[in-house]
C-alpha atoms as a PDB file:
ATOM      1  CA  UNK A   1       2.607 103.097 -20.300  1.00  0.00           C
ATOM      2  CA  UNK A   2       3.385 105.197 -17.251  1.00  0.00           C
ATOM      3  CA  UNK A   3       6.804 105.540 -15.641  1.00  0.00           C
ATOM      4  CA  UNK A   4       7.384 103.746 -12.334  1.00  0.00           C
ATOM      5  CA  UNK A   5       8.415 106.146  -9.588  1.00  0.00           C
ATOM      6  CA  UNK A   6      10.671 105.156  -6.693  1.00  0.00           C
ATOM      7  CA  UNK A   7      11.264 107.629  -3.902  1.00  0.00           C
ATOM      8  CA  UNK A   8       9.553 110.185  -6.162  1.00  0.00           C
ATOM      9  CA  UNK A   9      11.850 109.708  -9.166  1.00  0.00           C
ATOM     10  CA  UNK A  10      11.614 107.723 -12.409  1.00  0.00           C
ATOM     11  CA  UNK A  11      13.036 104.205 -12.172  1.00  0.00           C
ATOM     12  CA  UNK A  12      15.991 104.896 -14.514  1.00  0.00           C
ATOM     13  CA  UNK A  13      16.898 108.012 -12.520  1.00  0.00           C
ATOM     14  CA  UNK A  14      16.728 105.979  -9.295  1.00  0.00           C
ATOM     15  CA  UNK A  15      19.100 103.360 -10.743  1.00  0.00           C
ATOM     16  CA  UNK A  16      21.515 106.103 -11.775  1.00  0.00           C
ATOM     17  CA  UNK A  17      21.318 108.098  -8.522  1.00  0.00           C
ATOM     18  CA  UNK A  18      22.022 105.045  -6.363  1.00  0.00           C
ATOM     19  CA  UNK A  19      24.636 103.716  -8.838  1.00  0.00           C
ATOM     20  CA  UNK A  20      22.930 100.319  -8.946  1.00  0.00           C
ATOM     21  CA  UNK A  21      24.863  99.080 -12.012  1.00  0.00           C
ATOM     22  CA  UNK A  22      28.219 100.108 -10.541  1.00  0.00           C
ATOM     23  CA  UNK A  23      27.411  98.614  -7.136  1.00  0.00           C
ATOM     24  CA  UNK A  24      26.190  95.376  -8.701  1.00  0.00           C
ATOM     25  CA  UNK A  25      29.422  95.071 -10.682  1.00  0.00           C
ATOM     26  CA  UNK A  26      31.514  95.704  -7.553  1.00  0.00           C
ATOM     27  CA  UNK A  27      29.583  93.183  -5.448  1.00  0.00           C
ATOM     28  CA  UNK A  28      29.681  90.605  -8.256  1.00  0.00           C
ATOM     29  CA  UNK A  29      33.469  90.845  -8.498  1.00  0.00           C
ATOM     30  CA  UNK A  30      33.760  90.486  -4.705  1.00  0.00           C
ATOM     31  CA  UNK A  31      31.435  87.459  -4.826  1.00  0.00           C
ATOM     32  CA  UNK A  32      33.504  85.833  -7.571  1.00  0.00           C
ATOM     33  CA  UNK A  33      36.815  86.553  -5.789  1.00  0.00           C
ATOM     34  CA  UNK A  34      35.544  85.163  -2.477  1.00  0.00           C
ATOM     35  CA  UNK A  35      34.204  82.057  -4.211  1.00  0.00           C
ATOM     36  CA  UNK A  36      37.526  81.503  -5.970  1.00  0.00           C
ATOM     37  CA  UNK A  37      39.507  82.018  -2.748  1.00  0.00           C
ATOM     38  CA  UNK A  38      37.237  79.595  -0.838  1.00  0.00           C
ATOM     39  CA  UNK A  39      36.910  76.862  -3.456  1.00  0.00           C
ATOM     40  CA  UNK A  40      39.100  77.342  -6.556  1.00  0.00           C
ATOM     41  CA  UNK A  41      38.419  73.857  -7.934  1.00  0.00           C
ATOM     42  CA  UNK A  42      34.630  74.274  -7.893  1.00  0.00           C
ATOM     43  CA  UNK A  43      34.935  77.862  -9.180  1.00  0.00           C
ATOM     44  CA  UNK A  44      37.003  76.745 -12.181  1.00  0.00           C
ATOM     45  CA  UNK A  45      34.638  73.868 -12.927  1.00  0.00           C
ATOM     46  CA  UNK A  46      31.574  76.124 -12.884  1.00  0.00           C
ATOM     47  CA  UNK A  47      33.100  79.237 -14.471  1.00  0.00           C
ATOM     48  CA  UNK A  48      35.398  77.357 -16.908  1.00  0.00           C
ATOM     49  CA  UNK A  49      38.395  79.506 -15.913  1.00  0.00           C
ATOM     50  CA  UNK A  50      40.317  80.876 -12.968  1.00  0.00           C
ATOM     51  CA  UNK A  51      39.349  84.143 -11.288  1.00  0.00           C
ATOM     52  CA  UNK A  52      41.882  86.290 -13.138  1.00  0.00           C
ATOM     53  CA  UNK A  53      40.666  85.051 -16.538  1.00  0.00           C
ATOM     54  CA  UNK A  54      37.040  85.634 -15.548  1.00  0.00           C
ATOM     55  CA  UNK A  55      37.766  89.143 -14.244  1.00  0.00           C
ATOM     56  CA  UNK A  56      39.890  90.186 -17.221  1.00  0.00           C
ATOM     57  CA  UNK A  57      38.271  88.514 -20.229  1.00  0.00           C
ATOM     58  CA  UNK A  58      34.671  87.577 -19.428  1.00  0.00           C
ATOM     59  CA  UNK A  59      31.780  89.843 -20.398  1.00  0.00           C
ATOM     60  CA  UNK A  60      29.328  91.140 -17.819  1.00  0.00           C
ATOM     61  CA  UNK A  61      26.055  92.277 -19.356  1.00  0.00           C
ATOM     62  CA  UNK A  62      23.161  94.085 -17.737  1.00  0.00           C
ATOM     63  CA  UNK A  63      20.155  91.816 -17.921  1.00  0.00           C
ATOM     64  CA  UNK A  64      17.325  92.812 -15.606  1.00  0.00           C
ATOM     65  CA  UNK A  65      16.570  95.710 -13.317  1.00  0.00           C
ATOM     66  CA  UNK A  66      13.300  95.078 -11.518  1.00  0.00           C
ATOM     67  CA  UNK A  67      11.276  96.612  -8.735  1.00  0.00           C
ATOM     68  CA  UNK A  68       9.836  93.693  -6.820  1.00  0.00           C
ATOM     69  CA  UNK A  69       8.183  92.452  -3.692  1.00  0.00           C
ATOM     70  CA  UNK A  70      10.561  89.785  -2.429  1.00  0.00           C
ATOM     71  CA  UNK A  71       9.005  86.990  -0.361  1.00  0.00           C
ATOM     72  CA  UNK A  72      12.333  85.391   0.606  1.00  0.00           C
ATOM     73  CA  UNK A  73      12.314  87.549   3.747  1.00  0.00           C
ATOM     74  CA  UNK A  74      10.280  87.037   6.940  1.00  0.00           C
ATOM     75  CA  UNK A  75       8.276  90.154   6.174  1.00  0.00           C
ATOM     76  CA  UNK A  76       8.010  90.579   2.370  1.00  0.00           C
ATOM     77  CA  UNK A  77      10.323  93.362   1.253  1.00  0.00           C
ATOM     78  CA  UNK A  78       9.993  95.916  -1.520  1.00  0.00           C
ATOM     79  CA  UNK A  79      13.343  95.998  -3.265  1.00  0.00           C
ATOM     80  CA  UNK A  80      15.308  96.309  -6.490  1.00  0.00           C
ATOM     81  CA  UNK A  81      16.824  93.239  -8.113  1.00  0.00           C
ATOM     82  CA  UNK A  82      19.603  93.879 -10.621  1.00  0.00           C
ATOM     83  CA  UNK A  83      20.918  90.931 -12.645  1.00  0.00           C
ATOM     84  CA  UNK A  84      23.931  90.572 -14.898  1.00  0.00           C
ATOM     85  CA  UNK A  85      24.776  87.782 -17.317  1.00  0.00           C
ATOM     86  CA  UNK A  86      28.320  86.442 -17.192  1.00  0.00           C
ATOM     87  CA  UNK A  87      29.557  85.251 -20.588  1.00  0.00           C
ATOM     88  CA  UNK A  88      32.943  83.753 -21.440  1.00  0.00           C
ATOM     89  CA  UNK A  89      35.389  84.982 -24.113  1.00  0.00           C
ATOM     90  CA  UNK A  90      33.309  83.368 -26.870  1.00  0.00           C
ATOM     91  CA  UNK A  91      30.189  85.107 -25.510  1.00  0.00           C
ATOM     92  CA  UNK A  92      28.753  81.796 -24.254  1.00  0.00           C
ATOM     93  CA  UNK A  93      26.526  82.073 -21.190  1.00  0.00           C
ATOM     94  CA  UNK A  94      28.182  80.915 -17.954  1.00  0.00           C
ATOM     95  CA  UNK A  95      26.083  82.284 -15.064  1.00  0.00           C
ATOM     96  CA  UNK A  96      23.794  85.044 -13.862  1.00  0.00           C
ATOM     97  CA  UNK A  97      24.530  87.198 -10.817  1.00  0.00           C
ATOM     98  CA  UNK A  98      21.754  89.073  -9.002  1.00  0.00           C
ATOM     99  CA  UNK A  99      22.161  91.730  -6.335  1.00  0.00           C
ATOM    100  CA  UNK A 100      19.150  92.757  -4.245  1.00  0.00           C
ATOM    101  CA  UNK A 101      18.925  96.337  -2.985  1.00  0.00           C
ATOM    102  CA  UNK A 102      16.627  98.034  -0.510  1.00  0.00           C
ATOM    103  CA  UNK A 103      14.893 101.224  -1.626  1.00  0.00           C
ATOM    104  CA  UNK A 104      17.778 103.315  -0.251  1.00  0.00           C
ATOM    105  CA  UNK A 105      20.271 101.688  -2.632  1.00  0.00           C
ATOM    106  CA  UNK A 106      21.890  99.392  -0.045  1.00  0.00           C
ATOM    107  CA  UNK A 107      22.765  95.858  -1.157  1.00  0.00           C
ATOM    108  CA  UNK A 108      21.013  93.449   1.196  1.00  0.00           C
ATOM    109  CA  UNK A 109      21.581  90.115  -0.554  1.00  0.00           C
ATOM    110  CA  UNK A 110      23.045  88.505  -3.652  1.00  0.00           C
ATOM    111  CA  UNK A 111      23.051  85.201  -5.451  1.00  0.00           C
ATOM    112  CA  UNK A 112      24.542  83.472  -8.452  1.00  0.00           C
ATOM    113  CA  UNK A 113      23.044  80.743 -10.560  1.00  0.00           C
END
């Protein structure tokens, strides 16, 4: 199997150079904080805890890093999707967060399900 190259570098090197894991973690925490600030009742129902508990005790696990052609945009976009599982203190699955990056490492969208 051959290595995928992005901007002339192997995929893993691209993820490291553009700090995709670190950026995804940062954006995920901002997403969670904004959600909690906007709608704490719904946040606690869905996440089974308040923001502080989620931030301090939940586990965030790398799940998928994918190079994709995303058709959610008016003109299909080549991008990187990086997903992280969110598990509670007992390691039970709670949600998945996905950040979408352009090929220059800029976050252009995110979603949680």
